[in-house]
Amino acid sequence: MKSKILKLILILIGIFLIYFTRTNFSEHNLKKTISACLLAQKGTSESFDIEKAKKYCEEKIRK
């Protein structure tokens, strides 16, 4: 009985940790992806406007 309770507690802690990391690091990954997109836009565009490029990248990535 004691080992079943311990396993249940460990599983619940694991689920909480997975949820916590997913919510915290998803925003970080999104920022990094947008930065990479902006860098690519800057390298390929002759007339680079950062606001237009940022808006374009955010729309494409979130889609």
Protein backbone atom coordinates (compact mmCIF):
# COMPACT_ATOMS: atom_id res chain seq x y z
CA MET A 1 0.00 0.00 0.00
CA LYS A 2 2.81 2.38 0.93
CA SER A 3 4.65 1.81 -2.36
CA LYS A 4 1.49 2.49 -4.40
CA ILE A 5 1.03 5.84 -2.69
CA LEU A 6 4.68 6.70 -3.29
CA LYS A 7 4.38 5.82 -7.00
CA LEU A 8 1.23 7.93 -7.29
CA ILE A 9 2.96 10.91 -5.67
CA LEU A 10 5.96 10.56 -8.00
CA ILE A 11 3.69 10.41 -11.05
CA LEU A 12 1.81 13.53 -9.92
CA ILE A 13 5.09 15.39 -9.36
CA GLY A 14 6.27 14.32 -12.82
CA ILE A 15 3.07 15.60 -14.43
CA PHE A 16 3.43 18.91 -12.60
CA LEU A 17 7.06 19.30 -13.72
CA ILE A 18 6.18 18.58 -17.35
CA TYR A 19 3.36 21.12 -17.26
CA PHE A 20 5.62 23.70 -15.58
CA THR A 21 8.44 23.37 -18.11
CA ARG A 22 6.06 23.42 -21.05
CA THR A 23 4.40 26.66 -19.99
CA ASN A 24 7.64 28.43 -19.05
CA PHE A 25 9.85 27.43 -21.97
CA SER A 26 7.34 27.63 -24.81
CA GLU A 27 7.51 31.44 -24.72
CA HIS A 28 11.31 31.28 -24.78
CA ASN A 29 11.25 29.05 -27.86
CA LEU A 30 8.83 31.40 -29.58
CA LYS A 31 11.11 34.38 -28.98
CA LYS A 32 14.12 32.51 -30.34
CA THR A 33 12.21 31.44 -33.44
CA ILE A 34 11.05 35.00 -34.13
CA SER A 35 14.61 36.25 -33.72
CA ALA A 36 15.87 33.70 -36.23
CA CYS A 37 13.13 34.67 -38.67
CA LEU A 38 14.05 38.35 -38.32
CA LEU A 39 17.68 37.56 -39.00
CA ALA A 40 16.72 35.62 -42.13
CA GLN A 41 14.46 38.46 -43.28
CA LYS A 42 17.29 40.94 -42.81
CA GLY A 43 19.67 38.81 -44.84
CA THR A 44 17.29 38.30 -47.75
CA SER A 45 15.59 41.68 -47.96
CA GLU A 46 17.07 44.74 -49.65
CA SER A 47 14.80 47.22 -47.86
CA PHE A 48 14.52 45.93 -44.31
CA ASP A 49 11.87 47.36 -41.97
CA ILE A 50 12.09 45.73 -38.55
CA GLU A 51 8.46 46.37 -37.57
CA LYS A 52 7.04 44.89 -40.76
CA ALA A 53 9.41 41.93 -40.58
CA LYS A 54 8.55 41.26 -36.92
CA LYS A 55 4.83 41.37 -37.65
CA TYR A 56 5.28 39.05 -40.64
CA CYS A 57 7.36 36.57 -38.63
CA GLU A 58 4.94 36.50 -35.71
CA GLU A 59 2.00 35.84 -38.04
CA LYS A 60 3.78 33.01 -39.85
CA ILE A 61 5.11 31.35 -36.70
CA ARG A 62 1.89 31.49 -34.70
CA LYS A 63 -0.02 30.06 -37.65
